[in-house]
Amino acid sequence: MDDIRLLQSLLRDGECQWMFLTSNERKEHEQKLVDARSRGMTIGRKRKERSDKGKEWKGQEKQASRKKKKTTSQLPLTYKSAEFVHDDDQDSERGSDDSGDD
């Protein structure tokens, strides 16, 4: 974590910056990486191998032919009804019944 903070501060202060490599510089850098890998050095992060590497997967034929079901998150949003109910009509009917003129 300290390396990230150091890099961030160097980038912010302008002491470290990105630069474009010429095609010759890029080829030279790639050759250095190839040489380092051939000597057995790990470049980047070593990833764990799959436990079933080289084995035949049992459900491989079935998986290819199976169609994917659409879930609700994949369906387009639609409204159940486009009709609006206005409360004004109901209030005016009740108002005439509940006038209190008894």
C-alpha atoms as a PDB file:
ATOM      1  CA  MET A   1       0.000   0.000   0.000  1.00  0.00           C
ATOM      2  CA  ASP A   2       2.922   2.303   0.666  1.00  0.00           C
ATOM      3  CA  ASP A   3       4.128   1.844  -2.938  1.00  0.00           C
ATOM      4  CA  ILE A   4       0.784   3.057  -4.265  1.00  0.00           C
ATOM      5  CA  ARG A   5       0.819   6.132  -2.063  1.00  0.00           C
ATOM      6  CA  LEU A   6       4.392   6.898  -3.078  1.00  0.00           C
ATOM      7  CA  LEU A   7       3.500   6.574  -6.769  1.00  0.00           C
ATOM      8  CA  GLN A   8       0.432   8.769  -6.285  1.00  0.00           C
ATOM      9  CA  SER A   9       2.427  11.523  -4.615  1.00  0.00           C
ATOM     10  CA  LEU A  10       5.143  11.356  -7.291  1.00  0.00           C
ATOM     11  CA  LEU A  11       2.532  11.601 -10.057  1.00  0.00           C
ATOM     12  CA  ARG A  12       0.780  14.487  -8.312  1.00  0.00           C
ATOM     13  CA  ASP A  13       4.042  16.406  -7.793  1.00  0.00           C
ATOM     14  CA  GLY A  14       5.111  15.859 -11.395  1.00  0.00           C
ATOM     15  CA  GLU A  15       8.277  13.956 -10.482  1.00  0.00           C
ATOM     16  CA  CYS A  16       6.918  10.840 -12.191  1.00  0.00           C
ATOM     17  CA  GLN A  17       4.972  10.984 -15.435  1.00  0.00           C
ATOM     18  CA  TRP A  18       3.718   8.830 -18.291  1.00  0.00           C
ATOM     19  CA  MET A  19       5.605   9.000 -21.551  1.00  0.00           C
ATOM     20  CA  PHE A  20       5.293   7.493 -24.996  1.00  0.00           C
ATOM     21  CA  LEU A  21       7.964   5.057 -26.115  1.00  0.00           C
ATOM     22  CA  THR A  22       9.313   5.068 -29.630  1.00  0.00           C
ATOM     23  CA  SER A  23       8.954   1.824 -31.564  1.00  0.00           C
ATOM     24  CA  ASN A  24      12.648   1.017 -30.930  1.00  0.00           C
ATOM     25  CA  GLU A  25      12.310   1.661 -27.175  1.00  0.00           C
ATOM     26  CA  ARG A  26       9.199  -0.498 -27.045  1.00  0.00           C
ATOM     27  CA  LYS A  27      10.896  -3.379 -28.882  1.00  0.00           C
ATOM     28  CA  GLU A  28      13.902  -3.107 -26.565  1.00  0.00           C
ATOM     29  CA  HIS A  29      11.622  -3.228 -23.498  1.00  0.00           C
ATOM     30  CA  GLU A  30       9.721  -6.232 -24.880  1.00  0.00           C
ATOM     31  CA  GLN A  31      13.020  -8.051 -25.499  1.00  0.00           C
ATOM     32  CA  LYS A  32      14.097  -7.403 -21.894  1.00  0.00           C
ATOM     33  CA  LEU A  33      10.814  -8.936 -20.682  1.00  0.00           C
ATOM     34  CA  VAL A  34      11.245 -11.992 -22.935  1.00  0.00           C
ATOM     35  CA  ASP A  35      14.823 -12.462 -21.687  1.00  0.00           C
ATOM     36  CA  ALA A  36      13.730 -12.165 -18.048  1.00  0.00           C
ATOM     37  CA  ARG A  37      10.943 -14.734 -18.559  1.00  0.00           C
ATOM     38  CA  SER A  38      13.345 -17.141 -20.274  1.00  0.00           C
ATOM     39  CA  ARG A  39      15.638 -16.910 -17.227  1.00  0.00           C
ATOM     40  CA  GLY A  40      12.685 -17.933 -15.040  1.00  0.00           C
ATOM     41  CA  MET A  41      11.795 -14.579 -13.571  1.00  0.00           C
ATOM     42  CA  THR A  42       8.129 -13.904 -12.935  1.00  0.00           C
ATOM     43  CA  ILE A  43       6.981 -10.746 -14.679  1.00  0.00           C
ATOM     44  CA  GLY A  44       3.694  -9.446 -13.342  1.00  0.00           C
ATOM     45  CA  ARG A  45       1.531 -11.496 -11.033  1.00  0.00           C
ATOM     46  CA  LYS A  46       1.690 -15.293 -11.027  1.00  0.00           C
ATOM     47  CA  ARG A  47      -1.837 -16.655 -11.259  1.00  0.00           C
ATOM     48  CA  LYS A  48      -3.067 -19.903  -9.807  1.00  0.00           C
ATOM     49  CA  GLU A  49      -3.697 -22.717 -12.289  1.00  0.00           C
ATOM     50  CA  ARG A  50      -7.159 -24.232 -12.531  1.00  0.00           C
ATOM     51  CA  SER A  51      -7.597 -27.464 -10.649  1.00  0.00           C
ATOM     52  CA  ASP A  52      -9.316 -29.065 -13.664  1.00  0.00           C
ATOM     53  CA  LYS A  53      -6.685 -27.988 -16.204  1.00  0.00           C
ATOM     54  CA  GLY A  54      -6.406 -30.508 -19.034  1.00  0.00           C
ATOM     55  CA  LYS A  55      -9.471 -32.462 -17.951  1.00  0.00           C
ATOM     56  CA  GLU A  56     -12.645 -32.768 -19.982  1.00  0.00           C
ATOM     57  CA  TRP A  57     -15.569 -30.935 -18.496  1.00  0.00           C
ATOM     58  CA  LYS A  58     -18.656 -33.110 -18.085  1.00  0.00           C
ATOM     59  CA  GLY A  59     -21.318 -30.550 -18.950  1.00  0.00           C
ATOM     60  CA  GLN A  60     -19.530 -28.959 -21.898  1.00  0.00           C
ATOM     61  CA  GLU A  61     -21.928 -30.164 -24.639  1.00  0.00           C
ATOM     62  CA  LYS A  62     -25.035 -29.309 -22.621  1.00  0.00           C
ATOM     63  CA  GLN A  63     -23.776 -25.836 -21.749  1.00  0.00           C
ATOM     64  CA  ALA A  64     -23.236 -24.856 -25.378  1.00  0.00           C
ATOM     65  CA  SER A  65     -26.750 -25.858 -26.448  1.00  0.00           C
ATOM     66  CA  ARG A  66     -28.579 -24.402 -23.434  1.00  0.00           C
ATOM     67  CA  LYS A  67     -30.291 -21.075 -24.047  1.00  0.00           C
ATOM     68  CA  LYS A  68     -29.995 -18.354 -21.482  1.00  0.00           C
ATOM     69  CA  LYS A  69     -33.217 -17.309 -19.744  1.00  0.00           C
ATOM     70  CA  LYS A  70     -34.000 -13.646 -19.438  1.00  0.00           C
ATOM     71  CA  THR A  71     -34.134 -12.393 -15.916  1.00  0.00           C
ATOM     72  CA  THR A  72     -36.154  -9.432 -14.773  1.00  0.00           C
ATOM     73  CA  SER A  73     -33.061  -7.227 -14.855  1.00  0.00           C
ATOM     74  CA  GLN A  74     -32.620  -7.992 -18.573  1.00  0.00           C
ATOM     75  CA  LEU A  75     -36.240  -7.305 -19.553  1.00  0.00           C
ATOM     76  CA  PRO A  76     -37.188  -3.802 -20.670  1.00  0.00           C
ATOM     77  CA  LEU A  77     -39.111  -1.705 -18.176  1.00  0.00           C
ATOM     78  CA  THR A  78     -42.831  -1.541 -18.950  1.00  0.00           C
ATOM     79  CA  TYR A  79     -45.712  -0.035 -17.061  1.00  0.00           C
ATOM     80  CA  LYS A  80     -48.701  -2.168 -16.159  1.00  0.00           C
ATOM     81  CA  SER A  81     -51.239   0.490 -17.067  1.00  0.00           C
ATOM     82  CA  ALA A  82     -51.101   3.747 -18.966  1.00  0.00           C
ATOM     83  CA  GLU A  83     -54.429   4.920 -17.525  1.00  0.00           C
ATOM     84  CA  PHE A  84     -54.465   7.543 -14.802  1.00  0.00           C
ATOM     85  CA  VAL A  85     -57.079   7.782 -12.071  1.00  0.00           C
ATOM     86  CA  HIS A  86     -57.759  11.319 -10.897  1.00  0.00           C
ATOM     87  CA  ASP A  87     -58.827  11.807  -7.290  1.00  0.00           C
ATOM     88  CA  ASP A  88     -60.793  14.979  -8.147  1.00  0.00           C
ATOM     89  CA  ASP A  89     -63.727  12.976  -9.570  1.00  0.00           C
ATOM     90  CA  GLN A  90     -64.070  10.903  -6.428  1.00  0.00           C
ATOM     91  CA  ASP A  91     -63.816  13.912  -4.117  1.00  0.00           C
ATOM     92  CA  SER A  92     -66.515  15.908  -5.937  1.00  0.00           C
ATOM     93  CA  GLU A  93     -68.968  12.989  -5.744  1.00  0.00           C
ATOM     94  CA  ARG A  94     -68.350  12.549  -2.026  1.00  0.00           C
ATOM     95  CA  GLY A  95     -68.533  16.281  -1.421  1.00  0.00           C
ATOM     96  CA  SER A  96     -72.108  16.524  -2.695  1.00  0.00           C
ATOM     97  CA  ASP A  97     -73.215  13.604  -0.494  1.00  0.00           C
ATOM     98  CA  ASP A  98     -71.422  14.875   2.601  1.00  0.00           C
ATOM     99  CA  SER A  99     -72.536  18.495   2.363  1.00  0.00           C
ATOM    100  CA  GLY A 100     -73.916  18.508   5.922  1.00  0.00           C
ATOM    101  CA  ASP A 101     -77.196  20.269   4.998  1.00  0.00           C
ATOM    102  CA  ASP A 102     -79.378  17.863   7.002  1.00  0.00           C
END
